[in-house]
Structures are given as structure tokens and as C-alpha cells.
Amino acid sequence: MIRKILLGLALAWVGFALLAEMERAVSGYDQRERLQPSAMGWRFGIPQVIRLERFLDAARPLLPPGARVAFTSPPASADETFFRHRWAAYLLPEVDLIPREDPAGATAPYVLSYSYRLNDPHLRLTRRLPGGFLYQVQGGP
């Protein structure tokens, strides 16, 4: 009889612990509108990803599929820049998105600048997009 009571208490405790963990996980997920994580901690539904998605959705029809496109974003830590670029590459798979700082990025015919305007005499502003700019490379790098 005592074994059954102990087993029942253990089961009740495990059930309660599981529900408590689930509640913490779900409540943390539901606060995604208020999250301000670095790009490493981004997930779908947070404002940063929604802004980047809007920017890339506006650029999509202006870029030929398969084109090599350099991507740049506001200066930040190396990790932040890397993960921001990876998110952009994931959300815009139709083109070959290369970091502008990369040597191959210097030869790309298009430049997508997220969140800030570039002042480069070799770039011609093609279109102002929601959240950034699309440039076409004019001369040599």
C-alpha cells in the first residue's frame, strides 16, 4: 500500500514539475514582441525578424533569381553581423547573398543595405525599401 502512495506522490510531483516547466517555456515564448535579443537569439515572430522579412520581401521582385547580391547591415559585433546575414540568406534564398565585407561581395552587381544608407560613389541607389536600400554597382570596386 505504501508503494502505491509513494508512486502516486512521485507521479503527481513529476506532473506538477512538467506543467511548471511548460508554463515557463510558453510564457517566455509569448513575450516575443517585447524581446530585444541579439541576432544570435532571433526567432520567428519577433519585431527584428519581421522588419528584416519586410525589407527582403520588398527587394525580392527587384533582384533577378540567382543573382549575386552583397548584403550589409549596421556595424555591430562579428557575431551579430554574421547571424544577421545568415537570417537574410535564409529569408531570401532566390539569390546568392554574400556579406559585403567578403572579397566575393566586392564583385556583386547589387548591394542590399539593411537599416542604413551607404555613401559610396560606385553605388547607384536603385530603390529605397522599407527598412533599407537597394543599390546597383556602377564602376569598379
C-alpha atoms as a PDB file:
ATOM      1  CA  MET A   1       0.000   0.000   0.000  1.00  0.00           C
ATOM      2  CA  ILE A   2       2.824   2.439   0.846  1.00  0.00           C
ATOM      3  CA  ARG A   3       4.450   1.760  -2.522  1.00  0.00           C
ATOM      4  CA  LYS A   4       1.271   2.801  -4.299  1.00  0.00           C
ATOM      5  CA  ILE A   5       1.052   6.007  -2.273  1.00  0.00           C
ATOM      6  CA  LEU A   6       4.726   6.819  -2.928  1.00  0.00           C
ATOM      7  CA  LEU A   7       4.303   6.057  -6.622  1.00  0.00           C
ATOM      8  CA  GLY A   8       1.208   8.275  -6.757  1.00  0.00           C
ATOM      9  CA  LEU A   9       3.032  11.134  -4.998  1.00  0.00           C
ATOM     10  CA  ALA A  10       6.042  10.773  -7.319  1.00  0.00           C
ATOM     11  CA  LEU A  11       3.755  10.823 -10.346  1.00  0.00           C
ATOM     12  CA  ALA A  12       1.916  13.885  -9.041  1.00  0.00           C
ATOM     13  CA  TRP A  13       5.239  15.641  -8.395  1.00  0.00           C
ATOM     14  CA  VAL A  14       6.538  14.818 -11.904  1.00  0.00           C
ATOM     15  CA  GLY A  15       3.270  16.031 -13.445  1.00  0.00           C
ATOM     16  CA  PHE A  16       3.423  19.275 -11.484  1.00  0.00           C
ATOM     17  CA  ALA A  17       7.090  19.832 -12.429  1.00  0.00           C
ATOM     18  CA  LEU A  18       6.298  19.188 -16.106  1.00  0.00           C
ATOM     19  CA  LEU A  19       3.425  21.673 -16.049  1.00  0.00           C
ATOM     20  CA  ALA A  20       5.578  24.296 -14.306  1.00  0.00           C
ATOM     21  CA  GLU A  21       8.329  23.933 -16.929  1.00  0.00           C
ATOM     22  CA  MET A  22       5.799  24.100 -19.757  1.00  0.00           C
ATOM     23  CA  GLU A  23       4.279  27.251 -18.283  1.00  0.00           C
ATOM     24  CA  ARG A  24       7.692  28.935 -18.070  1.00  0.00           C
ATOM     25  CA  ALA A  25       8.579  27.961 -21.622  1.00  0.00           C
ATOM     26  CA  VAL A  26       5.277  29.107 -23.094  1.00  0.00           C
ATOM     27  CA  SER A  27       5.188  32.393 -21.192  1.00  0.00           C
ATOM     28  CA  GLY A  28       8.733  33.174 -22.399  1.00  0.00           C
ATOM     29  CA  TYR A  29       7.742  32.418 -25.962  1.00  0.00           C
ATOM     30  CA  ASP A  30       4.635  34.591 -25.755  1.00  0.00           C
ATOM     31  CA  GLN A  31       6.737  37.631 -24.868  1.00  0.00           C
ATOM     32  CA  ARG A  32       8.434  37.637 -28.275  1.00  0.00           C
ATOM     33  CA  GLU A  33       7.024  41.083 -29.203  1.00  0.00           C
ATOM     34  CA  ARG A  34       8.979  42.602 -26.320  1.00  0.00           C
ATOM     35  CA  LEU A  35      12.227  40.681 -26.846  1.00  0.00           C
ATOM     36  CA  GLN A  36      15.358  42.599 -27.812  1.00  0.00           C
ATOM     37  CA  PRO A  37      17.834  39.750 -28.355  1.00  0.00           C
ATOM     38  CA  SER A  38      20.940  39.944 -30.487  1.00  0.00           C
ATOM     39  CA  ALA A  39      20.698  38.370 -33.943  1.00  0.00           C
ATOM     40  CA  MET A  40      22.032  35.137 -32.440  1.00  0.00           C
ATOM     41  CA  GLY A  41      18.855  34.830 -30.357  1.00  0.00           C
ATOM     42  CA  TRP A  42      16.348  35.826 -33.049  1.00  0.00           C
ATOM     43  CA  ARG A  43      13.341  33.627 -33.736  1.00  0.00           C
ATOM     44  CA  PHE A  44      10.316  33.967 -35.966  1.00  0.00           C
ATOM     45  CA  GLY A  45       7.679  36.418 -34.795  1.00  0.00           C
ATOM     46  CA  ILE A  46       9.909  38.948 -33.042  1.00  0.00           C
ATOM     47  CA  PRO A  47       9.982  42.520 -34.402  1.00  0.00           C
ATOM     48  CA  GLN A  48      13.581  42.312 -35.665  1.00  0.00           C
ATOM     49  CA  VAL A  49      12.816  39.323 -37.892  1.00  0.00           C
ATOM     50  CA  ILE A  50       9.539  40.848 -39.095  1.00  0.00           C
ATOM     51  CA  ARG A  51      11.386  44.059 -40.113  1.00  0.00           C
ATOM     52  CA  LEU A  52      14.070  42.073 -41.943  1.00  0.00           C
ATOM     53  CA  GLU A  53      11.395  39.974 -43.663  1.00  0.00           C
ATOM     54  CA  ARG A  54       9.553  43.100 -44.884  1.00  0.00           C
ATOM     55  CA  PHE A  55      12.794  44.524 -46.217  1.00  0.00           C
ATOM     56  CA  LEU A  56      13.707  41.336 -48.090  1.00  0.00           C
ATOM     57  CA  ASP A  57      10.156  40.827 -49.394  1.00  0.00           C
ATOM     58  CA  ALA A  58      10.314  44.308 -50.942  1.00  0.00           C
ATOM     59  CA  ALA A  59      13.729  43.553 -52.501  1.00  0.00           C
ATOM     60  CA  ARG A  60      12.754  40.120 -53.869  1.00  0.00           C
ATOM     61  CA  PRO A  61      10.945  41.281 -57.059  1.00  0.00           C
ATOM     62  CA  LEU A  62      13.761  43.731 -57.880  1.00  0.00           C
ATOM     63  CA  LEU A  63      16.525  41.104 -57.895  1.00  0.00           C
ATOM     64  CA  PRO A  64      16.952  38.545 -60.683  1.00  0.00           C
ATOM     65  CA  PRO A  65      16.824  34.959 -59.357  1.00  0.00           C
ATOM     66  CA  GLY A  66      20.297  33.527 -58.885  1.00  0.00           C
ATOM     67  CA  ALA A  67      21.965  36.949 -58.861  1.00  0.00           C
ATOM     68  CA  ARG A  68      24.944  37.555 -56.617  1.00  0.00           C
ATOM     69  CA  VAL A  69      23.954  40.195 -54.066  1.00  0.00           C
ATOM     70  CA  ALA A  70      26.132  41.775 -51.380  1.00  0.00           C
ATOM     71  CA  PHE A  71      24.379  42.268 -48.043  1.00  0.00           C
ATOM     72  CA  THR A  72      25.359  44.782 -45.420  1.00  0.00           C
ATOM     73  CA  SER A  73      23.798  45.888 -42.162  1.00  0.00           C
ATOM     74  CA  PRO A  74      24.652  48.376 -39.403  1.00  0.00           C
ATOM     75  CA  PRO A  75      28.085  47.878 -37.870  1.00  0.00           C
ATOM     76  CA  ALA A  76      27.960  45.535 -34.896  1.00  0.00           C
ATOM     77  CA  SER A  77      29.955  42.734 -33.353  1.00  0.00           C
ATOM     78  CA  ALA A  78      31.208  39.984 -35.659  1.00  0.00           C
ATOM     79  CA  ASP A  79      28.638  37.537 -34.258  1.00  0.00           C
ATOM     80  CA  GLU A  80      25.776  39.994 -34.704  1.00  0.00           C
ATOM     81  CA  THR A  81      26.774  40.731 -38.309  1.00  0.00           C
ATOM     82  CA  PHE A  82      27.223  37.029 -39.100  1.00  0.00           C
ATOM     83  CA  PHE A  83      23.820  35.972 -37.748  1.00  0.00           C
ATOM     84  CA  ARG A  84      22.009  38.930 -39.338  1.00  0.00           C
ATOM     85  CA  HIS A  85      23.477  37.900 -42.697  1.00  0.00           C
ATOM     86  CA  ARG A  86      22.507  34.244 -42.137  1.00  0.00           C
ATOM     87  CA  TRP A  87      18.916  35.258 -41.379  1.00  0.00           C
ATOM     88  CA  ALA A  88      18.827  37.362 -44.551  1.00  0.00           C
ATOM     89  CA  ALA A  89      20.251  34.489 -46.626  1.00  0.00           C
ATOM     90  CA  TYR A  90      17.642  32.137 -45.175  1.00  0.00           C
ATOM     91  CA  LEU A  91      14.770  34.540 -45.854  1.00  0.00           C
ATOM     92  CA  LEU A  92      15.938  35.359 -49.415  1.00  0.00           C
ATOM     93  CA  PRO A  93      17.003  32.017 -50.922  1.00  0.00           C
ATOM     94  CA  GLU A  94      16.378  33.082 -54.540  1.00  0.00           C
ATOM     95  CA  VAL A  95      19.690  34.976 -54.716  1.00  0.00           C
ATOM     96  CA  ASP A  96      23.278  34.289 -53.735  1.00  0.00           C
ATOM     97  CA  LEU A  97      23.551  36.589 -50.710  1.00  0.00           C
ATOM     98  CA  ILE A  98      27.164  37.363 -49.793  1.00  0.00           C
ATOM     99  CA  PRO A  99      28.425  39.618 -46.988  1.00  0.00           C
ATOM    100  CA  ARG A 100      29.669  42.884 -48.477  1.00  0.00           C
ATOM    101  CA  GLU A 101      32.842  42.619 -46.387  1.00  0.00           C
ATOM    102  CA  ASP A 102      33.664  39.305 -48.098  1.00  0.00           C
ATOM    103  CA  PRO A 103      36.041  39.542 -51.107  1.00  0.00           C
ATOM    104  CA  ALA A 104      33.338  37.978 -53.321  1.00  0.00           C
ATOM    105  CA  GLY A 105      30.888  40.615 -52.073  1.00  0.00           C
ATOM    106  CA  ALA A 106      33.019  43.331 -53.647  1.00  0.00           C
ATOM    107  CA  THR A 107      32.273  41.902 -57.116  1.00  0.00           C
ATOM    108  CA  ALA A 108      28.498  41.594 -56.647  1.00  0.00           C
ATOM    109  CA  PRO A 109      26.409  43.713 -59.053  1.00  0.00           C
ATOM    110  CA  TYR A 110      23.810  44.529 -56.367  1.00  0.00           C
ATOM    111  CA  VAL A 111      24.085  45.667 -52.758  1.00  0.00           C
ATOM    112  CA  LEU A 112      21.309  45.330 -50.190  1.00  0.00           C
ATOM    113  CA  SER A 113      21.848  47.644 -47.241  1.00  0.00           C
ATOM    114  CA  TYR A 114      19.671  46.872 -44.243  1.00  0.00           C
ATOM    115  CA  SER A 115      18.867  49.790 -41.914  1.00  0.00           C
ATOM    116  CA  TYR A 116      21.342  52.372 -43.137  1.00  0.00           C
ATOM    117  CA  ARG A 117      22.318  54.319 -46.226  1.00  0.00           C
ATOM    118  CA  LEU A 118      25.703  53.794 -47.877  1.00  0.00           C
ATOM    119  CA  ASN A 119      27.832  56.646 -49.192  1.00  0.00           C
ATOM    120  CA  ASP A 120      29.886  55.024 -51.925  1.00  0.00           C
ATOM    121  CA  PRO A 121      30.491  56.716 -55.295  1.00  0.00           C
ATOM    122  CA  HIS A 122      30.433  53.329 -57.052  1.00  0.00           C
ATOM    123  CA  LEU A 123      26.870  52.631 -55.942  1.00  0.00           C
ATOM    124  CA  ARG A 124      23.720  53.960 -57.567  1.00  0.00           C
ATOM    125  CA  LEU A 125      20.609  53.931 -55.401  1.00  0.00           C
ATOM    126  CA  THR A 126      18.080  51.783 -57.229  1.00  0.00           C
ATOM    127  CA  ARG A 127      15.271  51.793 -54.711  1.00  0.00           C
ATOM    128  CA  ARG A 128      14.545  52.835 -51.162  1.00  0.00           C
ATOM    129  CA  LEU A 129      12.897  49.872 -49.450  1.00  0.00           C
ATOM    130  CA  PRO A 130      11.064  49.612 -46.138  1.00  0.00           C
ATOM    131  CA  GLY A 131      13.939  49.205 -43.733  1.00  0.00           C
ATOM    132  CA  GLY A 132      16.840  49.684 -46.129  1.00  0.00           C
ATOM    133  CA  PHE A 133      18.177  50.363 -49.595  1.00  0.00           C
ATOM    134  CA  LEU A 134      18.957  48.531 -52.837  1.00  0.00           C
ATOM    135  CA  TYR A 135      21.978  49.687 -54.812  1.00  0.00           C
ATOM    136  CA  GLN A 136      23.437  48.742 -58.160  1.00  0.00           C
ATOM    137  CA  VAL A 137      27.218  48.798 -58.566  1.00  0.00           C
ATOM    138  CA  GLN A 138      28.297  51.301 -61.232  1.00  0.00           C
ATOM    139  CA  GLY A 139      32.061  51.137 -61.674  1.00  0.00           C
ATOM    140  CA  GLY A 140      34.928  49.097 -60.329  1.00  0.00           C
ATOM    141  CA  PRO A 141      35.227  48.455 -56.585  1.00  0.00           C
END
